[in-house]
Amino acid sequence: MPKNVFKPLDGKIFNFSCYKDIPCFNKCCAKLRLILTPYDILRMKKRLGLSSDDFLERYTDTVMEDNSRFPMVTLKMNSEKDGICPFVTEQGCSIYEDRPGACRLYPIGRASTMVDGEKDAREKFFIVSEEHCLGFHEEKSWTLDEWLNHEGVSEYNAMNDQWLEIITSSKSLGSENATQKHQVFFMASYNLDKFREFIFKSKFFDLFEVKADLKDKLANDDVDLMKFGFEWLKFSLFGEKTMKMKPHAVPS
């Protein structure tokens, strides 16, 4: 990506509009390095009627970012069609209502991190000013809050920040096998079907106290399962007391 693409959001007001007949339509949806969050994957796989395994196999690549301790999942571009997003059509995004959070934000970018001990994410917004985009020359103006509300970003940020707390944590992973912890992270973050199978087909509920109503939700609701997975990751990766073990399971 060219330099100086990311510009300060001065005054928090900007002009932008995107529609089918604008000459640059769909140009922003190609040759992307789009990192997917757990909530992105949850929404997309459900929209497509796919299992976690099938979605991950068909539409994603797994990478290790230089600045991350954990594997990240990126959306796989269509190499046979000039690197365009696999969900783009001539009419636009075929999964528009369930598109990833980064797509919802565009042309705004969000840099965020969670600081251990703080409740809310520290965040900074900026304009992603790409040369091909003609939407900035349109008359429609937005405040930052208007744009975030219009694109349904708040729900995504609320879900994603719970995961952000894990991937930006400065807490030690301990001396245990790093590969094993990466596998645990990948399963609970990205492969909800496998995580559900893990907790229901292992001795998990014999070892940990989980209320009956929550157990029912974990069996049927992917959002509740995802949130539970975040709590499990804090316990298994960092040793946080987010899970309560049954008395007989605690070493004396």
Protein backbone atom coordinates (compact mmCIF):
# COMPACT_ATOMS: atom_id res chain seq x y z
CA MET A 1 0.00 0.00 0.00
CA PRO A 2 1.40 3.47 -0.93
CA LYS A 3 2.69 5.78 1.75
CA ASN A 4 0.54 8.56 3.21
CA VAL A 5 -2.66 6.56 2.67
CA PHE A 6 -3.55 6.90 6.35
CA LYS A 7 -4.49 10.48 7.16
CA PRO A 8 -5.65 12.09 10.41
CA LEU A 9 -9.40 12.51 10.78
CA ASP A 10 -9.20 16.25 11.31
CA GLY A 11 -12.32 17.65 12.92
CA LYS A 12 -13.94 14.20 12.72
CA ILE A 13 -15.94 15.27 9.63
CA PHE A 14 -15.34 13.84 6.16
CA ASN A 15 -17.01 13.61 2.77
CA PHE A 16 -17.73 10.18 1.36
CA SER A 17 -20.28 8.20 -0.62
CA CYS A 18 -20.13 4.84 -2.39
CA TYR A 19 -22.73 3.49 -4.82
CA LYS A 20 -22.96 1.10 -7.76
CA ASP A 21 -22.53 3.67 -10.54
CA ILE A 22 -19.46 5.40 -9.13
CA PRO A 23 -16.51 4.62 -11.50
CA CYS A 24 -14.33 3.14 -8.73
CA PHE A 25 -17.04 0.74 -7.49
CA ASN A 26 -15.53 -2.50 -6.08
CA LYS A 27 -11.91 -1.34 -6.59
CA CYS A 28 -11.41 -1.26 -2.82
CA CYS A 29 -12.35 -4.96 -2.64
CA ALA A 30 -9.25 -6.45 -4.27
CA LYS A 31 -5.69 -7.39 -3.26
CA LEU A 32 -6.52 -6.96 0.40
CA ARG A 33 -4.67 -8.25 3.42
CA LEU A 34 -7.78 -8.38 5.55
CA ILE A 35 -7.40 -9.89 9.01
CA LEU A 36 -10.61 -11.56 10.17
CA THR A 37 -11.72 -11.50 13.78
CA PRO A 38 -13.67 -14.29 15.52
CA TYR A 39 -16.90 -12.30 15.19
CA ASP A 40 -16.25 -11.69 11.48
CA ILE A 41 -15.90 -15.43 10.94
CA LEU A 42 -18.95 -16.23 13.05
CA ARG A 43 -21.14 -13.92 10.98
CA MET A 44 -19.74 -14.96 7.61
CA LYS A 45 -19.88 -18.73 8.12
CA LYS A 46 -23.43 -18.48 9.42
CA ARG A 47 -24.44 -16.33 6.44
CA LEU A 48 -22.94 -18.91 4.05
CA GLY A 49 -24.34 -21.92 5.92
CA LEU A 50 -20.87 -23.43 6.35
CA SER A 51 -19.16 -25.26 9.17
CA SER A 52 -16.12 -23.59 10.72
CA ASP A 53 -13.81 -26.12 9.05
CA ASP A 54 -15.33 -25.54 5.61
CA PHE A 55 -15.25 -21.77 5.91
CA LEU A 56 -11.63 -21.70 7.10
CA GLU A 57 -10.54 -24.10 4.37
CA ARG A 58 -12.31 -22.30 1.50
CA TYR A 59 -11.92 -18.66 2.38
CA THR A 60 -8.97 -18.06 4.69
CA ASP A 61 -5.21 -18.26 5.12
CA THR A 62 -3.42 -18.49 8.46
CA VAL A 63 -0.43 -16.22 9.04
CA MET A 64 1.88 -15.21 11.86
CA GLU A 65 2.15 -11.43 12.07
CA ASP A 66 5.56 -10.06 13.09
CA ASN A 67 3.98 -8.07 15.91
CA SER A 68 1.68 -10.82 17.20
CA ARG A 69 2.22 -13.78 19.50
CA PHE A 70 -0.73 -15.62 17.97
CA PRO A 71 -1.76 -16.88 14.53
CA MET A 72 -4.01 -14.55 12.58
CA VAL A 73 -6.55 -15.50 9.92
CA THR A 74 -6.81 -13.49 6.69
CA LEU A 75 -9.44 -13.51 3.98
CA LYS A 76 -8.22 -15.44 0.92
CA MET A 77 -8.41 -13.32 -2.23
CA ASN A 78 -9.42 -14.89 -5.56
CA SER A 79 -6.06 -15.39 -7.32
CA GLU A 80 -7.79 -16.24 -10.62
CA LYS A 81 -9.66 -12.94 -10.74
CA ASP A 82 -7.02 -10.26 -10.12
CA GLY A 83 -7.01 -10.86 -6.38
CA ILE A 84 -10.59 -9.72 -5.88
CA CYS A 85 -12.55 -10.60 -2.74
CA PRO A 86 -14.43 -13.89 -3.23
CA PHE A 87 -17.68 -12.28 -2.16
CA VAL A 88 -17.68 -9.39 -4.62
CA THR A 89 -20.14 -9.32 -7.54
CA GLU A 90 -20.91 -6.67 -10.15
CA GLN A 91 -23.73 -5.52 -7.85
CA GLY A 92 -21.41 -5.26 -4.86
CA CYS A 93 -20.80 -7.39 -1.79
CA SER A 94 -22.85 -10.60 -1.76
CA ILE A 95 -22.64 -10.85 2.05
CA TYR A 96 -23.04 -7.12 2.70
CA GLU A 97 -25.15 -7.42 5.87
CA ASP A 98 -22.53 -9.76 7.38
CA ARG A 99 -19.34 -8.25 5.93
CA PRO A 100 -16.24 -8.01 8.16
CA GLY A 101 -15.79 -5.16 10.60
CA ALA A 102 -12.89 -3.64 8.63
CA CYS A 103 -15.12 -3.45 5.54
CA ARG A 104 -17.83 -1.73 7.56
CA LEU A 105 -15.38 0.89 8.77
CA TYR A 106 -13.95 1.75 5.34
CA PRO A 107 -12.92 4.43 4.44
CA ILE A 108 -12.24 4.88 8.13
CA GLY A 109 -9.50 2.92 9.85
CA ARG A 110 -9.30 2.14 13.55
CA ALA A 111 -6.14 1.53 15.54
CA SER A 112 -6.98 0.03 18.92
CA THR A 113 -5.42 -1.77 21.83
CA MET A 114 -6.48 -2.97 25.26
CA VAL A 115 -4.28 -2.12 28.22
CA ASP A 116 -4.24 -4.68 31.03
CA GLY A 117 -6.44 -3.44 33.86
CA GLU A 118 -8.43 -1.01 31.69
CA LYS A 119 -12.05 -1.72 30.75
CA ASP A 120 -12.28 0.08 27.41
CA ALA A 121 -10.07 -0.06 24.33
CA ARG A 122 -7.75 2.81 23.53
CA GLU A 123 -8.61 3.76 19.98
CA LYS A 124 -7.67 6.19 17.25
CA PHE A 125 -9.52 6.71 13.98
CA PHE A 126 -8.07 7.86 10.67
CA ILE A 127 -9.00 8.22 6.99
CA VAL A 128 -7.86 5.50 4.56
CA SER A 129 -7.30 7.77 1.57
CA GLU A 130 -6.60 5.46 -1.38
CA GLU A 131 -5.83 6.96 -4.77
CA HIS A 132 -8.47 4.98 -6.65
CA CYS A 133 -11.33 5.97 -4.35
CA LEU A 134 -13.58 8.69 -5.79
CA GLY A 135 -16.01 8.58 -2.88
CA PHE A 136 -14.16 11.39 -1.10
CA HIS A 137 -15.22 13.81 -3.85
CA GLU A 138 -18.92 13.25 -3.17
CA GLU A 139 -20.98 15.89 -1.36
CA LYS A 140 -22.31 13.66 1.43
CA SER A 141 -20.60 14.54 4.72
CA TRP A 142 -20.35 12.51 7.90
CA THR A 143 -19.25 12.89 11.46
CA LEU A 144 -17.34 9.91 12.82
CA ASP A 145 -20.24 8.90 15.07
CA GLU A 146 -22.72 9.14 12.20
CA TRP A 147 -20.57 6.87 10.06
CA LEU A 148 -20.02 4.29 12.79
CA ASN A 149 -23.74 4.13 13.53
CA HIS A 150 -24.70 4.00 9.85
CA GLU A 151 -22.38 1.07 9.17
CA GLY A 152 -23.25 -0.94 12.29
CA VAL A 153 -19.70 -0.81 13.59
CA SER A 154 -20.50 -0.57 17.31
CA GLU A 155 -21.70 -4.17 17.59
CA TYR A 156 -18.56 -5.45 15.88
CA ASN A 157 -16.25 -3.35 18.07
CA ALA A 158 -18.01 -4.53 21.23
CA MET A 159 -17.44 -8.17 20.21
CA ASN A 160 -13.95 -7.69 18.81
CA ASP A 161 -12.60 -5.73 21.76
CA GLN A 162 -13.12 -8.76 24.01
CA TRP A 163 -10.73 -10.65 21.72
CA LEU A 164 -8.44 -7.64 21.38
CA GLU A 165 -7.89 -7.84 25.13
CA ILE A 166 -6.35 -11.28 24.59
CA ILE A 167 -4.16 -10.63 21.56
CA THR A 168 -2.73 -7.36 22.91
CA SER A 169 -2.20 -8.59 26.48
CA SER A 170 1.30 -8.24 27.88
CA LYS A 171 0.78 -11.19 30.23
CA SER A 172 3.17 -14.10 29.95
CA LEU A 173 2.17 -17.31 28.19
CA GLY A 174 4.30 -19.24 30.67
CA SER A 175 6.84 -21.90 29.85
CA GLU A 176 4.39 -24.41 28.31
CA ASN A 177 4.62 -25.57 24.70
CA ALA A 178 3.97 -22.53 22.46
CA THR A 179 2.60 -24.69 19.63
CA GLN A 180 -0.02 -26.17 21.94
CA LYS A 181 -1.09 -22.73 23.11
CA HIS A 182 -1.35 -21.56 19.51
CA GLN A 183 -3.62 -24.52 18.78
CA VAL A 184 -5.83 -23.66 21.75
CA PHE A 185 -5.94 -20.03 20.63
CA PHE A 186 -6.83 -20.96 17.05
CA MET A 187 -9.61 -23.34 18.05
CA ALA A 188 -11.33 -21.02 20.54
CA SER A 189 -10.90 -17.94 18.34
CA TYR A 190 -11.68 -19.20 14.85
CA ASN A 191 -13.10 -22.72 14.87
CA LEU A 192 -16.21 -22.51 17.02
CA ASP A 193 -17.53 -25.88 15.86
CA LYS A 194 -14.37 -27.61 17.00
CA PHE A 195 -14.38 -25.65 20.28
CA ARG A 196 -17.99 -26.71 20.94
CA GLU A 197 -17.03 -30.31 20.24
CA PHE A 198 -14.06 -29.96 22.60
CA ILE A 199 -16.05 -28.76 25.58
CA PHE A 200 -19.01 -31.12 25.08
CA LYS A 201 -17.15 -34.31 24.14
CA SER A 202 -14.26 -34.06 26.60
CA LYS A 203 -14.34 -34.02 30.41
CA PHE A 204 -14.57 -30.23 30.39
CA PHE A 205 -17.83 -29.98 32.34
CA ASP A 206 -16.56 -32.54 34.85
CA LEU A 207 -13.63 -30.24 35.59
CA PHE A 208 -15.19 -26.77 35.43
CA GLU A 209 -18.26 -25.27 37.05
CA VAL A 210 -20.66 -24.11 34.33
CA LYS A 211 -24.27 -23.26 35.15
CA ALA A 212 -26.95 -25.31 33.40
CA ASP A 213 -28.49 -22.33 31.59
CA LEU A 214 -25.09 -21.28 30.25
CA LYS A 215 -24.35 -24.84 29.17
CA ASP A 216 -27.59 -24.80 27.13
CA LYS A 217 -26.55 -21.52 25.50
CA LEU A 218 -23.12 -22.92 24.63
CA ALA A 219 -24.78 -25.81 22.85
CA ASN A 220 -26.98 -23.58 20.68
CA ASP A 221 -25.69 -20.02 20.45
CA ASP A 222 -22.44 -19.21 18.65
CA VAL A 223 -22.13 -15.73 20.17
CA ASP A 224 -22.35 -17.07 23.71
CA LEU A 225 -19.90 -19.82 22.75
CA MET A 226 -17.47 -17.24 21.33
CA LYS A 227 -17.61 -15.13 24.49
CA PHE A 228 -17.10 -18.24 26.61
CA GLY A 229 -14.11 -19.09 24.43
CA PHE A 230 -12.53 -15.74 25.25
CA GLU A 231 -12.87 -16.45 28.97
CA TRP A 232 -11.38 -19.90 28.41
CA LEU A 233 -8.42 -18.38 26.56
CA LYS A 234 -7.69 -15.98 29.41
CA PHE A 235 -7.66 -18.98 31.75
CA SER A 236 -5.67 -21.37 29.56
CA LEU A 237 -3.19 -18.89 28.08
CA PHE A 238 -2.53 -16.53 30.97
CA GLY A 239 -3.76 -18.38 34.04
CA GLU A 240 -6.41 -15.76 34.81
CA LYS A 241 -9.16 -16.85 37.21
CA THR A 242 -11.94 -16.56 34.65
CA MET A 243 -12.98 -20.21 35.04
CA LYS A 244 -13.85 -21.98 38.29
CA MET A 245 -12.69 -25.55 38.65
CA LYS A 246 -14.77 -28.07 40.61
CA PRO A 247 -13.33 -28.94 44.02
CA HIS A 248 -12.36 -32.49 43.06
CA ALA A 249 -10.50 -31.18 40.01
CA VAL A 250 -8.29 -28.78 41.99
CA PRO A 251 -5.00 -30.38 43.11
CA SER A 252 -4.76 -30.53 46.90
